[in-house]
Amino acid sequence: MAAACVRTLSKVGRLVLDTQTSAALAPRISMRCQRRAYGTGGAGFRSRLSLVPDPQTHASASPCRGKRKCQYPVFAVFLDESAPELGTDLKLTLYQYKTCPFCSKVRAFLDYHGLPYEIVEVNPVMRQEIKWSTYRKVPILMVNGMVQLNDSSVIVSVLKTYLVSKEKTISEILACYPEMKAKNDSGKDVIEFGNKYWVMVRDADADHLYPGKDTRKEEIKWRKWADEWLVHLISPNVYRTPTEALASFDYIVREGKFGTFEGFFAKYFGAAAMWIISKRLKNKHHLQDDVRQDLYNAVNDWVAAIGKNNKFMGGNQPNLADLAVFGVLRVMEGLQAFDDMVENTKVKNWYRRVQKATQ
């Protein structure tokens, strides 16, 4: 939401500034050159990517292990037809906005599992770093420069499946998460992914991964909760007041990839816009007048679900739900909303444990 707001405001700002500049200064002075200078990035494989159907997509759906059949075309990104199959070593490149909760979820998973990865910070205005991709959201994870994974929950489920059951390649596993067109609550066309909260492993592996009776069910339930409820509490809380909105955008600009002009526009105009938008989001998601109470209630519900005798939702070790919730909450660190949450809920001990586990 914040990234889309920044893109819109920056485009308007550029148009206004270009118009004023052309009237007041010599014609040779233009913002166009500065615009091109932002966010060119450096991953060498980008210009050589080609999109081809994954041959596993149209084969048997056996990797899905009894879940919904893969009836939709899935695409994998290859450098060329002679590219080798994935080995056990993964070279991972994450395209992200650092302050995005969905990107933070992916980093939490990668860090916990000790998977090395490179980060490409995407300019949220121009998005030149992902101009090669038809999928225009982040996070995007490139695996060995060949396979493109989209959507944070799909990325996590695919990689977890690969780590548990290494007889399948990433592209074979990806076929179990079909891309589908859907409509959101506003009637807008969106891309959704089937089975995205499922780790596709054999029964024997599942028994080891989920030893308790309902552990798999609970993990899926709370992963969905993080995506469908918890994440929607972030913006109304971090943009709750004009002062908090300005502090939030100061953090976004400082940690993100912005040019001087874009950063100025994002910080001041973006903060004002998101403060207004946060009020609409509060109504859209039926939040209380004091949105902090919804955040506190949600976090305390999560802690209660973990139980007094468990360190994590996953027992003695974080599971995918732990990492998802932690990833979402982490983007508020350093802001007033985070400090208030820690002070007024029972989340602190769990949060510090997951933080330590991901370091």
Protein backbone atom coordinates (compact mmCIF):
# COMPACT_ATOMS: atom_id res chain seq x y z
CA MET A 1 0.00 0.00 0.00
CA ALA A 2 2.75 2.46 0.98
CA ALA A 3 4.79 1.56 -2.11
CA ALA A 4 1.82 2.16 -4.41
CA CYS A 5 1.16 5.47 -2.67
CA VAL A 6 4.79 6.53 -3.14
CA ARG A 7 4.73 5.57 -6.82
CA THR A 8 1.62 7.65 -7.45
CA LEU A 9 2.84 10.69 -5.53
CA SER A 10 6.28 10.58 -7.13
CA LYS A 11 4.80 10.48 -10.61
CA VAL A 12 2.59 13.45 -9.80
CA GLY A 13 5.51 15.27 -8.23
CA ARG A 14 7.72 14.65 -11.23
CA LEU A 15 5.05 15.92 -13.58
CA VAL A 16 4.62 19.10 -11.54
CA LEU A 17 8.35 19.66 -11.17
CA ASP A 18 9.05 18.98 -14.83
CA THR A 19 6.34 21.49 -15.79
CA GLN A 20 7.66 24.16 -13.45
CA THR A 21 11.24 23.54 -14.48
CA SER A 22 10.53 23.86 -18.16
CA ALA A 23 8.89 27.21 -17.58
CA ALA A 24 11.54 28.64 -15.28
CA LEU A 25 14.81 27.11 -16.45
CA ALA A 26 16.59 26.34 -19.68
CA PRO A 27 15.04 23.52 -21.71
CA ARG A 28 18.13 21.32 -21.33
CA ILE A 29 17.43 20.83 -17.59
CA SER A 30 15.13 17.86 -17.14
CA MET A 31 14.30 15.29 -14.48
CA ARG A 32 14.35 12.53 -17.07
CA CYS A 33 18.05 11.85 -16.74
CA GLN A 34 17.79 11.71 -12.97
CA ARG A 35 14.87 9.33 -13.23
CA ARG A 36 16.87 6.93 -15.36
CA ALA A 37 19.69 6.99 -12.86
CA TYR A 38 17.65 5.39 -10.11
CA GLY A 39 17.63 1.68 -9.38
CA THR A 40 19.43 0.16 -12.29
CA GLY A 41 20.74 -2.72 -10.14
CA GLY A 42 23.37 -5.18 -11.23
CA ALA A 43 22.24 -8.80 -11.48
CA GLY A 44 23.78 -9.93 -14.74
CA PHE A 45 21.23 -12.58 -15.64
CA ARG A 46 18.25 -10.24 -15.87
CA SER A 47 18.54 -9.27 -19.50
CA ARG A 48 18.93 -12.91 -20.51
CA LEU A 49 15.84 -14.30 -18.81
CA SER A 50 13.19 -15.99 -20.89
CA LEU A 51 9.87 -17.38 -19.77
CA VAL A 52 9.07 -20.93 -20.81
CA PRO A 53 6.50 -23.44 -19.59
CA ASP A 54 7.73 -25.76 -16.89
CA PRO A 55 7.54 -29.27 -18.45
CA GLN A 56 6.62 -30.73 -15.06
CA THR A 57 3.44 -28.68 -15.00
CA HIS A 58 1.71 -30.75 -17.65
CA ALA A 59 2.93 -34.07 -16.30
CA SER A 60 1.54 -36.07 -13.40
CA ALA A 61 0.59 -34.10 -10.32
CA SER A 62 2.20 -36.74 -8.08
CA PRO A 63 4.49 -34.26 -6.26
CA CYS A 64 1.36 -32.68 -4.81
CA ARG A 65 0.78 -35.72 -2.64
CA GLY A 66 -2.98 -35.88 -2.83
CA LYS A 67 -3.74 -32.16 -2.66
CA ARG A 68 -5.46 -30.22 -5.43
CA LYS A 69 -4.27 -31.28 -8.85
CA CYS A 70 -2.10 -28.86 -10.76
CA GLN A 71 -4.52 -28.06 -13.56
CA TYR A 72 -3.16 -24.60 -14.34
CA PRO A 73 -0.06 -23.69 -16.32
CA VAL A 74 2.91 -22.84 -14.14
CA PHE A 75 5.93 -21.05 -15.53
CA ALA A 76 9.54 -21.38 -14.54
CA VAL A 77 12.23 -18.98 -15.68
CA PHE A 78 15.23 -20.54 -17.43
CA LEU A 79 18.33 -18.99 -18.94
CA ASP A 80 18.26 -21.49 -21.80
CA GLU A 81 17.04 -24.98 -22.60
CA SER A 82 20.38 -26.56 -21.72
CA ALA A 83 20.38 -25.18 -18.16
CA PRO A 84 21.31 -27.88 -15.64
CA GLU A 85 18.89 -29.25 -13.06
CA LEU A 86 19.06 -27.72 -9.63
CA GLY A 87 21.55 -29.32 -7.30
CA THR A 88 21.57 -29.37 -3.55
CA ASP A 89 23.23 -25.96 -3.34
CA LEU A 90 20.88 -23.06 -3.89
CA LYS A 91 21.97 -19.64 -5.08
CA LEU A 92 19.18 -17.35 -3.98
CA THR A 93 18.53 -13.74 -4.97
CA LEU A 94 15.74 -11.91 -3.17
CA TYR A 95 14.12 -8.86 -4.78
CA GLN A 96 12.48 -6.89 -2.01
CA TYR A 97 11.40 -3.72 -0.26
CA LYS A 98 13.14 -3.97 3.10
CA THR A 99 10.19 -2.55 5.02
CA CYS A 100 7.59 -4.79 3.33
CA PRO A 101 6.13 -7.35 5.80
CA PHE A 102 5.89 -10.03 3.10
CA CYS A 103 9.56 -9.60 2.22
CA SER A 104 10.41 -9.68 5.92
CA LYS A 105 8.64 -13.05 6.18
CA VAL A 106 10.88 -14.51 3.49
CA ARG A 107 14.05 -13.14 5.10
CA ALA A 108 13.00 -14.63 8.45
CA PHE A 109 12.64 -18.06 6.82
CA LEU A 110 15.95 -17.84 4.97
CA ASP A 111 17.81 -16.60 8.04
CA TYR A 112 16.37 -19.26 10.34
CA HIS A 113 17.33 -22.05 7.95
CA GLY A 114 20.77 -20.59 7.36
CA LEU A 115 20.27 -20.25 3.62
CA PRO A 116 22.66 -17.67 2.12
CA TYR A 117 21.06 -15.19 -0.24
CA GLU A 118 21.70 -11.96 -2.05
CA ILE A 119 19.38 -9.00 -1.74
CA VAL A 120 18.38 -6.65 -4.53
CA GLU A 121 16.57 -3.67 -3.03
CA VAL A 122 13.86 -2.56 -5.45
CA ASN A 123 13.13 1.11 -6.00
CA PRO A 124 9.41 1.28 -5.14
CA VAL A 125 8.79 4.11 -7.61
CA MET A 126 10.48 2.98 -10.82
CA ARG A 127 10.89 -0.75 -10.04
CA GLN A 128 13.60 -1.02 -12.69
CA GLU A 129 15.17 -3.93 -10.82
CA ILE A 130 12.21 -6.18 -11.68
CA LYS A 131 11.38 -4.77 -15.12
CA TRP A 132 12.27 -8.19 -16.58
CA SER A 133 9.41 -9.82 -14.62
CA THR A 134 5.76 -9.94 -15.66
CA TYR A 135 4.97 -10.40 -11.97
CA ARG A 136 5.24 -6.85 -10.62
CA LYS A 137 5.11 -7.40 -6.87
CA VAL A 138 7.76 -8.23 -4.31
CA PRO A 139 9.09 -10.43 -2.93
CA ILE A 140 10.48 -12.32 -5.91
CA LEU A 141 13.06 -15.02 -5.30
CA MET A 142 15.32 -16.22 -8.09
CA VAL A 143 16.73 -19.71 -7.51
CA ASN A 144 20.06 -20.51 -9.16
CA GLY A 145 19.31 -17.81 -11.72
CA MET A 146 16.81 -20.15 -13.37
CA VAL A 147 13.55 -20.48 -11.45
CA GLN A 148 11.44 -17.51 -10.35
CA LEU A 149 9.33 -17.87 -7.20
CA ASN A 150 6.58 -15.33 -6.56
CA ASP A 151 4.48 -14.64 -3.45
CA SER A 152 6.00 -14.84 0.03
CA SER A 153 3.96 -17.85 1.17
CA VAL A 154 4.71 -19.78 -2.02
CA ILE A 155 8.42 -19.01 -1.65
CA VAL A 156 8.45 -20.32 1.91
CA SER A 157 6.39 -23.44 1.13
CA VAL A 158 8.46 -24.35 -1.93
CA LEU A 159 11.78 -23.96 -0.11
CA LYS A 160 10.58 -25.83 2.97
CA THR A 161 9.38 -28.68 0.77
CA TYR A 162 12.76 -28.75 -0.96
CA LEU A 163 14.68 -28.81 2.32
CA VAL A 164 12.59 -31.65 3.73
CA SER A 165 12.29 -33.71 0.54
CA LYS A 166 15.28 -33.22 -1.72
CA GLU A 167 14.40 -35.79 -4.38
CA LYS A 168 12.34 -33.13 -6.17
CA THR A 169 13.71 -30.10 -7.95
CA ILE A 170 12.45 -26.62 -7.22
CA SER A 171 10.63 -26.49 -10.56
CA GLU A 172 8.90 -29.82 -9.86
CA ILE A 173 7.78 -28.61 -6.45
CA LEU A 174 6.61 -25.30 -7.92
CA ALA A 175 4.13 -27.20 -10.08
CA CYS A 176 2.15 -27.96 -6.93
CA TYR A 177 1.39 -24.26 -6.41
CA PRO A 178 -0.61 -23.30 -9.52
CA GLU A 179 -0.99 -19.68 -10.45
CA MET A 180 -4.64 -18.69 -10.79
CA LYS A 181 -6.50 -15.53 -11.69
CA ALA A 182 -8.99 -14.30 -9.15
CA LYS A 183 -10.81 -11.13 -8.10
CA ASN A 184 -10.32 -9.35 -4.81
CA ASP A 185 -13.02 -7.73 -2.68
CA SER A 186 -12.96 -4.66 -4.94
CA GLY A 187 -13.50 -6.74 -8.08
CA LYS A 188 -9.94 -6.17 -9.29
CA ASP A 189 -8.12 -8.97 -11.09
CA VAL A 190 -5.38 -10.45 -8.93
CA ILE A 191 -3.01 -13.41 -9.08
CA GLU A 192 -3.48 -16.10 -6.46
CA PHE A 193 -1.63 -19.37 -5.88
CA GLY A 194 -3.16 -22.71 -5.02
CA ASN A 195 -1.99 -24.76 -2.01
CA LYS A 196 0.40 -22.00 -0.97
CA TYR A 197 0.29 -22.79 2.75
CA TRP A 198 0.98 -26.50 2.25
CA VAL A 199 4.42 -28.11 2.56
CA MET A 200 4.29 -30.90 -0.04
CA VAL A 201 6.05 -33.85 1.58
CA ARG A 202 5.50 -37.57 1.86
CA ASP A 203 3.49 -38.96 4.75
CA ALA A 204 6.62 -40.24 6.49
CA ASP A 205 8.26 -36.82 6.26
CA ALA A 206 5.04 -35.12 7.34
CA ASP A 207 4.86 -37.29 10.46
CA HIS A 208 8.35 -36.16 11.40
CA LEU A 209 7.74 -32.51 10.50
CA TYR A 210 4.33 -32.38 12.22
CA PRO A 211 4.49 -34.81 15.17
CA GLY A 212 1.39 -33.50 16.95
CA LYS A 213 -2.17 -34.32 15.95
CA ASP A 214 -3.11 -30.82 14.78
CA THR A 215 0.30 -29.21 14.31
CA ARG A 216 0.05 -29.05 10.54
CA LYS A 217 -3.48 -27.70 10.67
CA GLU A 218 -2.45 -25.04 13.20
CA GLU A 219 0.58 -24.00 11.19
CA ILE A 220 -1.55 -23.47 8.07
CA LYS A 221 -4.23 -21.64 10.07
CA TRP A 222 -1.81 -19.13 11.58
CA ARG A 223 0.17 -18.61 8.39
CA LYS A 224 -3.09 -17.59 6.72
CA TRP A 225 -3.95 -15.43 9.73
CA ALA A 226 -0.65 -13.57 9.37
CA ASP A 227 -1.40 -12.83 5.70
CA GLU A 228 -5.11 -12.16 5.94
CA TRP A 229 -5.44 -10.34 9.26
CA LEU A 230 -2.24 -9.42 11.07
CA VAL A 231 -0.64 -7.72 8.08
CA HIS A 232 -3.70 -5.46 7.71
CA LEU A 233 -3.13 -4.09 11.21
CA ILE A 234 0.32 -2.73 10.39
CA SER A 235 -0.54 0.31 8.25
CA PRO A 236 -3.37 1.65 10.45
CA ASN A 237 -1.01 1.46 13.43
CA VAL A 238 2.22 2.83 12.00
CA TYR A 239 0.36 5.69 10.24
CA ARG A 240 -2.07 6.26 13.11
CA THR A 241 -1.16 9.93 13.68
CA PRO A 242 0.63 12.50 11.50
CA THR A 243 3.71 12.24 13.74
CA GLU A 244 3.78 8.43 13.50
CA ALA A 245 3.21 8.56 9.75
CA LEU A 246 6.17 10.92 9.29
CA ALA A 247 8.39 8.72 11.47
CA SER A 248 7.32 5.65 9.48
CA PHE A 249 8.13 7.23 6.13
CA ASP A 250 11.41 8.54 7.46
CA TYR A 251 12.24 4.91 8.25
CA ILE A 252 10.99 3.69 4.84
CA VAL A 253 13.07 6.25 2.97
CA ARG A 254 16.15 5.65 5.10
CA GLU A 255 16.04 1.86 4.69
CA GLY A 256 14.69 1.75 1.14
CA LYS A 257 16.13 2.61 -2.25
CA PHE A 258 15.09 6.15 -3.15
CA GLY A 259 16.64 8.98 -5.09
CA THR A 260 16.88 12.39 -3.44
CA PHE A 261 13.72 13.71 -5.11
CA GLU A 262 11.78 10.50 -4.56
CA GLY A 263 12.85 10.32 -0.92
CA PHE A 264 11.71 13.88 -0.21
CA PHE A 265 8.35 13.32 -1.86
CA ALA A 266 7.89 9.95 -0.19
CA LYS A 267 8.71 11.21 3.29
CA TYR A 268 6.48 14.26 3.42
CA PHE A 269 3.73 13.76 0.87
CA GLY A 270 3.66 9.98 1.34
CA ALA A 271 3.32 10.35 5.09
CA ALA A 272 0.40 12.74 4.70
CA ALA A 273 -1.30 10.51 2.16
CA MET A 274 -0.87 7.32 4.18
CA TRP A 275 -2.18 9.00 7.32
CA ILE A 276 -5.39 9.72 5.40
CA ILE A 277 -5.44 6.28 3.78
CA SER A 278 -4.94 4.60 7.15
CA LYS A 279 -8.34 5.95 8.20
CA ARG A 280 -9.93 4.29 5.18
CA LEU A 281 -8.11 1.06 5.97
CA LYS A 282 -9.45 1.19 9.52
CA ASN A 283 -13.00 1.33 8.15
CA LYS A 284 -12.33 -1.26 5.47
CA HIS A 285 -11.12 -3.83 7.99
CA HIS A 286 -13.67 -2.84 10.64
CA LEU A 287 -11.09 -1.83 13.22
CA GLN A 288 -11.77 -0.05 16.49
CA ASP A 289 -11.36 3.68 16.82
CA ASP A 290 -8.20 2.97 18.77
CA VAL A 291 -6.45 0.68 16.29
CA ARG A 292 -3.82 -0.18 18.88
CA GLN A 293 -6.41 -2.31 20.65
CA ASP A 294 -6.87 -4.47 17.54
CA LEU A 295 -3.11 -4.94 17.34
CA TYR A 296 -2.88 -5.84 21.02
CA ASN A 297 -5.79 -8.26 20.77
CA ALA A 298 -4.33 -9.96 17.70
CA VAL A 299 -0.90 -10.37 19.24
CA ASN A 300 -2.32 -11.68 22.52
CA ASP A 301 -4.48 -14.15 20.59
CA TRP A 302 -1.30 -15.39 18.92
CA VAL A 303 0.57 -15.74 22.21
CA ALA A 304 -2.38 -17.58 23.76
CA ALA A 305 -2.45 -20.00 20.82
CA ILE A 306 1.21 -20.84 21.39
CA GLY A 307 0.45 -21.83 24.99
CA LYS A 308 2.20 -21.20 28.26
CA ASN A 309 4.33 -24.34 28.10
CA ASN A 310 5.63 -23.89 24.54
CA LYS A 311 8.49 -21.71 23.41
CA PHE A 312 7.09 -21.46 19.89
CA MET A 313 4.01 -22.44 17.93
CA GLY A 314 6.28 -25.19 16.59
CA GLY A 315 7.13 -26.41 20.09
CA ASN A 316 10.83 -26.20 20.87
CA GLN A 317 11.67 -24.75 17.45
CA PRO A 318 9.93 -22.10 15.33
CA ASN A 319 7.66 -23.43 12.61
CA LEU A 320 6.51 -21.58 9.50
CA ALA A 321 3.75 -19.80 11.42
CA ASP A 322 6.26 -18.48 13.98
CA LEU A 323 8.47 -17.15 11.20
CA ALA A 324 5.53 -15.59 9.34
CA VAL A 325 4.15 -13.74 12.37
CA PHE A 326 7.62 -12.63 13.42
CA GLY A 327 8.35 -11.37 9.90
CA VAL A 328 5.19 -9.27 9.83
CA LEU A 329 5.71 -7.75 13.27
CA ARG A 330 9.40 -7.07 12.69
CA VAL A 331 8.76 -4.30 10.16
CA MET A 332 7.45 -2.12 13.00
CA GLU A 333 10.71 -2.26 14.98
CA GLY A 334 11.97 1.21 15.85
CA LEU A 335 8.50 2.73 15.57
CA GLN A 336 6.10 3.79 18.30
CA ALA A 337 3.61 1.08 17.36
CA PHE A 338 6.21 -1.63 18.06
CA ASP A 339 7.18 -0.16 21.42
CA ASP A 340 3.52 0.11 22.43
CA MET A 341 2.87 -3.48 21.34
CA VAL A 342 5.75 -4.86 23.41
CA GLU A 343 4.71 -2.77 26.41
CA ASN A 344 1.02 -3.71 26.33
CA THR A 345 1.02 -7.37 25.28
CA LYS A 346 2.64 -10.65 26.28
CA VAL A 347 4.58 -11.03 23.02
CA LYS A 348 8.03 -9.90 24.16
CA ASN A 349 9.52 -13.23 25.29
CA TRP A 350 8.30 -15.13 22.22
CA TYR A 351 9.47 -12.34 19.91
CA ARG A 352 12.97 -12.30 21.40
CA ARG A 353 13.24 -16.07 21.10
CA VAL A 354 12.36 -16.02 17.40
CA GLN A 355 14.65 -13.04 16.87
CA LYS A 356 17.53 -14.99 18.42
CA ALA A 357 16.69 -18.10 16.36
CA THR A 358 16.80 -16.14 13.11
CA GLN A 359 20.17 -14.57 13.92
